[in-house]
Amino acid sequence: MPCFVLLLWLLLWLLPSGQIQAQPTTAYGDTGAIEALVSELIVNSKKGPVLSLRNVKINGRSNQLITHTGGAVELSFDYKVHCKHCRWGKHQLLLGLHLQHSAQACVKLHRRQSKWKSAKVLIAMPHYPGNYYIRARHSAAFNCTDALDWWRFDQPLGPGSQANIGRVQIIRPQNITHASPTASLP
């Protein structure tokens, strides 16, 4: 009997606790650190610059949004194609969240060079509290359906923080009767 207790104690001591095993990995999760956003992003391919993005707005406002719920947000922006090395009709702009395995939206780039154009896409946000970064990258797929999977094509974790064009912060709703001493009901 004492050997059984000793063996059980050793197993419990050597195995990591369930609480440690349940911790999310920080590579895809929210670390709590606030990352910088760019006001104008130049998207590059391996051969050089492809396009520029600016005037990013989430739900018609700035490029940052604080909300209590997830769901779809409207992302609007201006873009200009300046890709002298691109073949016509084979390039796209991909947009999505930093923690996802594929892009959520695709804008087909019709020309090698253009004036500033406006575009709007919908991006789905999770319903869990945290900071969610909207990022942009280039793809050279044959169409937008195939391009969505290019999100992590040559970058195992997807576009880096230098591609942050927007941030949505989802916070827990506060109970108004307990959170604010100045709130009162008539």
Protein backbone atom coordinates (compact mmCIF):
# COMPACT_ATOMS: atom_id res chain seq x y z
CA MET A 1 0.00 0.00 0.00
CA PRO A 2 2.76 2.58 0.80
CA CYS A 3 4.40 1.79 -2.56
CA PHE A 4 1.13 2.54 -4.34
CA VAL A 5 0.81 5.92 -2.58
CA LEU A 6 4.43 6.74 -3.37
CA LEU A 7 3.95 5.80 -7.02
CA LEU A 8 0.78 7.90 -7.24
CA TRP A 9 2.56 10.85 -5.62
CA LEU A 10 5.46 10.54 -8.10
CA LEU A 11 3.11 10.43 -11.10
CA LEU A 12 1.22 13.50 -9.92
CA TRP A 13 4.47 15.33 -9.24
CA LEU A 14 6.08 14.45 -12.58
CA LEU A 15 3.07 15.15 -14.79
CA PRO A 16 2.30 18.80 -15.53
CA SER A 17 -0.86 20.08 -13.95
CA GLY A 18 -4.09 20.36 -15.96
CA GLN A 19 -4.05 24.11 -15.42
CA ILE A 20 -0.69 24.45 -17.20
CA GLN A 21 -1.84 22.21 -20.06
CA ALA A 22 -4.96 24.32 -20.59
CA GLN A 23 -3.04 27.56 -21.19
CA PRO A 24 -3.43 28.90 -24.75
CA THR A 25 -0.35 29.33 -26.88
CA THR A 26 0.70 32.92 -27.45
CA ALA A 27 1.65 32.39 -31.11
CA TYR A 28 -2.00 32.60 -32.19
CA GLY A 29 -3.67 34.07 -29.12
CA ASP A 30 -3.86 37.54 -27.65
CA THR A 31 -0.73 38.34 -25.64
CA GLY A 32 -2.28 41.51 -24.25
CA ALA A 33 0.37 43.71 -25.87
CA ILE A 34 -0.91 46.47 -28.13
CA GLU A 35 0.75 46.33 -31.56
CA ALA A 36 1.33 49.35 -33.76
CA LEU A 37 -0.91 50.15 -36.72
CA VAL A 38 0.33 51.69 -39.95
CA SER A 39 -1.39 54.69 -41.51
CA GLU A 40 -0.26 53.72 -45.01
CA LEU A 41 0.89 50.24 -45.91
CA ILE A 42 2.98 49.36 -48.95
CA VAL A 43 2.30 45.71 -49.81
CA ASN A 44 5.24 43.96 -51.44
CA SER A 45 5.77 40.76 -53.37
CA LYS A 46 9.13 39.04 -53.71
CA LYS A 47 9.83 41.17 -56.80
CA GLY A 48 8.92 44.56 -55.31
CA PRO A 49 6.02 46.84 -54.33
CA VAL A 50 2.56 45.84 -55.52
CA LEU A 51 0.12 48.30 -53.95
CA SER A 52 -0.46 50.85 -51.22
CA LEU A 53 -3.32 51.03 -48.72
CA ARG A 54 -4.47 54.08 -46.75
CA ASN A 55 -7.53 55.65 -45.09
CA VAL A 56 -8.50 52.40 -43.39
CA LYS A 57 -11.81 52.65 -41.52
CA ILE A 58 -13.73 50.10 -39.48
CA ASN A 59 -17.50 50.63 -39.59
CA GLY A 60 -16.95 54.05 -41.21
CA ARG A 61 -14.76 55.43 -38.39
CA SER A 62 -11.07 55.15 -37.56
CA ASN A 63 -8.92 52.05 -37.98
CA GLN A 64 -9.57 51.07 -34.34
CA LEU A 65 -12.80 49.83 -32.83
CA ILE A 66 -13.71 48.91 -29.26
CA THR A 67 -16.87 46.84 -28.91
CA HIS A 68 -18.60 44.40 -26.57
CA THR A 69 -19.53 41.85 -29.22
CA GLY A 70 -17.93 40.14 -32.18
CA GLY A 71 -19.58 39.67 -35.55
CA ALA A 72 -19.07 41.27 -38.93
CA VAL A 73 -17.37 44.65 -39.28
CA GLU A 74 -17.12 46.66 -42.47
CA LEU A 75 -13.56 47.49 -43.47
CA SER A 76 -13.20 50.33 -45.98
CA PHE A 77 -9.94 51.59 -47.43
CA ASP A 78 -8.29 53.26 -50.41
CA TYR A 79 -5.75 51.37 -52.49
CA LYS A 80 -3.47 52.15 -55.39
CA VAL A 81 -1.77 49.53 -57.55
CA HIS A 82 1.80 50.33 -58.65
CA CYS A 83 3.08 46.95 -59.77
CA LYS A 84 5.20 47.23 -62.88
CA HIS A 85 6.35 43.60 -62.62
CA CYS A 86 2.87 42.05 -62.17
CA ARG A 87 1.18 40.03 -64.87
CA TRP A 88 -2.27 41.33 -65.70
CA GLY A 89 -5.21 39.74 -63.88
CA LYS A 90 -3.25 37.46 -61.57
CA HIS A 91 -2.85 39.49 -58.36
CA GLN A 92 -5.04 40.04 -55.32
CA LEU A 93 -5.05 41.89 -52.02
CA LEU A 94 -5.87 39.61 -49.07
CA LEU A 95 -7.36 40.81 -45.78
CA GLY A 96 -7.91 38.88 -42.60
CA LEU A 97 -7.16 38.45 -38.91
CA HIS A 98 -3.71 37.86 -37.50
CA LEU A 99 -4.66 34.57 -35.83
CA GLN A 100 -6.43 32.81 -38.68
CA HIS A 101 -5.16 30.19 -41.10
CA SER A 102 -6.73 31.75 -44.19
CA ALA A 103 -7.75 35.21 -45.34
CA GLN A 104 -11.36 36.36 -45.05
CA ALA A 105 -11.56 38.81 -47.94
CA CYS A 106 -9.97 39.25 -51.33
CA VAL A 107 -9.82 42.27 -53.67
CA LYS A 108 -8.83 41.45 -57.25
CA LEU A 109 -6.26 43.85 -58.67
CA HIS A 110 -7.33 44.41 -62.28
CA ARG A 111 -4.46 46.53 -63.52
CA ARG A 112 -0.74 46.86 -63.09
CA GLN A 113 -1.07 50.53 -62.21
CA SER A 114 -4.04 52.58 -61.10
CA LYS A 115 -5.19 55.73 -59.40
CA TRP A 116 -6.46 55.59 -55.82
CA LYS A 117 -9.61 53.48 -55.59
CA SER A 118 -11.95 52.71 -52.68
CA ALA A 119 -13.02 49.26 -51.55
CA LYS A 120 -15.20 47.77 -48.81
CA VAL A 121 -15.13 44.24 -47.40
CA LEU A 122 -16.66 42.46 -44.42
CA ILE A 123 -14.42 40.88 -41.78
CA ALA A 124 -15.86 38.50 -39.16
CA MET A 125 -14.67 39.05 -35.60
CA PRO A 126 -14.68 36.39 -32.88
CA HIS A 127 -17.08 36.81 -29.95
CA TYR A 128 -14.32 36.41 -27.34
CA PRO A 129 -12.61 39.31 -25.53
CA GLY A 130 -9.20 40.28 -26.90
CA ASN A 131 -7.33 42.39 -29.43
CA TYR A 132 -7.81 41.29 -33.03
CA TYR A 133 -5.55 42.75 -35.71
CA ILE A 134 -6.67 43.11 -39.31
CA ARG A 135 -3.76 42.54 -41.65
CA ALA A 136 -3.17 42.76 -45.39
CA ARG A 137 -0.96 40.88 -47.82
CA HIS A 138 -0.52 40.20 -51.54
CA SER A 139 -1.20 36.99 -53.43
CA ALA A 140 -0.58 35.86 -56.99
CA ALA A 141 -3.24 33.15 -57.24
CA PHE A 142 -5.39 32.64 -60.33
CA ASN A 143 -8.58 33.83 -58.60
CA CYS A 144 -9.88 35.12 -55.27
CA THR A 145 -11.26 31.74 -54.20
CA ASP A 146 -7.81 30.15 -54.44
CA ALA A 147 -6.11 33.26 -53.05
CA LEU A 148 -7.74 33.04 -49.60
CA ASP A 149 -5.52 30.07 -48.78
CA TRP A 150 -2.38 32.10 -49.58
CA TRP A 151 -2.69 33.82 -46.18
CA ARG A 152 0.12 31.65 -44.77
CA PHE A 153 1.56 30.42 -48.07
CA ASP A 154 5.16 31.51 -47.48
CA GLN A 155 4.80 32.77 -43.89
CA PRO A 156 3.90 30.02 -41.38
CA LEU A 157 2.21 32.46 -38.97
CA GLY A 158 0.69 34.65 -41.69
CA PRO A 159 1.46 38.34 -42.24
CA GLY A 160 3.47 39.92 -39.42
CA SER A 161 2.65 42.91 -37.25
CA GLN A 162 4.14 45.26 -39.88
CA ALA A 163 0.97 44.49 -41.93
CA ASN A 164 -1.47 45.70 -39.21
CA ILE A 165 -3.99 48.04 -40.79
CA GLY A 166 -6.71 47.88 -38.13
CA ARG A 167 -7.51 46.67 -34.61
CA VAL A 168 -10.77 45.53 -33.06
CA GLN A 169 -10.76 45.24 -29.29
CA ILE A 170 -13.57 43.16 -27.84
CA ILE A 171 -14.14 43.82 -24.16
CA ARG A 172 -16.46 42.19 -21.68
CA PRO A 173 -19.65 44.15 -21.07
CA GLN A 174 -19.73 45.70 -17.62
CA ASN A 175 -22.66 45.17 -15.27
CA ILE A 176 -23.91 48.74 -14.98
CA THR A 177 -25.46 48.22 -11.54
CA HIS A 178 -22.13 47.13 -10.03
CA ALA A 179 -19.50 48.81 -12.23
CA SER A 180 -20.51 52.45 -11.93
CA PRO A 181 -21.46 54.04 -8.59
CA THR A 182 -22.86 57.08 -10.42
CA ALA A 183 -25.34 55.06 -12.46
CA SER A 184 -28.81 55.12 -11.00
CA LEU A 185 -32.28 54.12 -12.04
CA PRO A 186 -35.27 56.49 -11.64
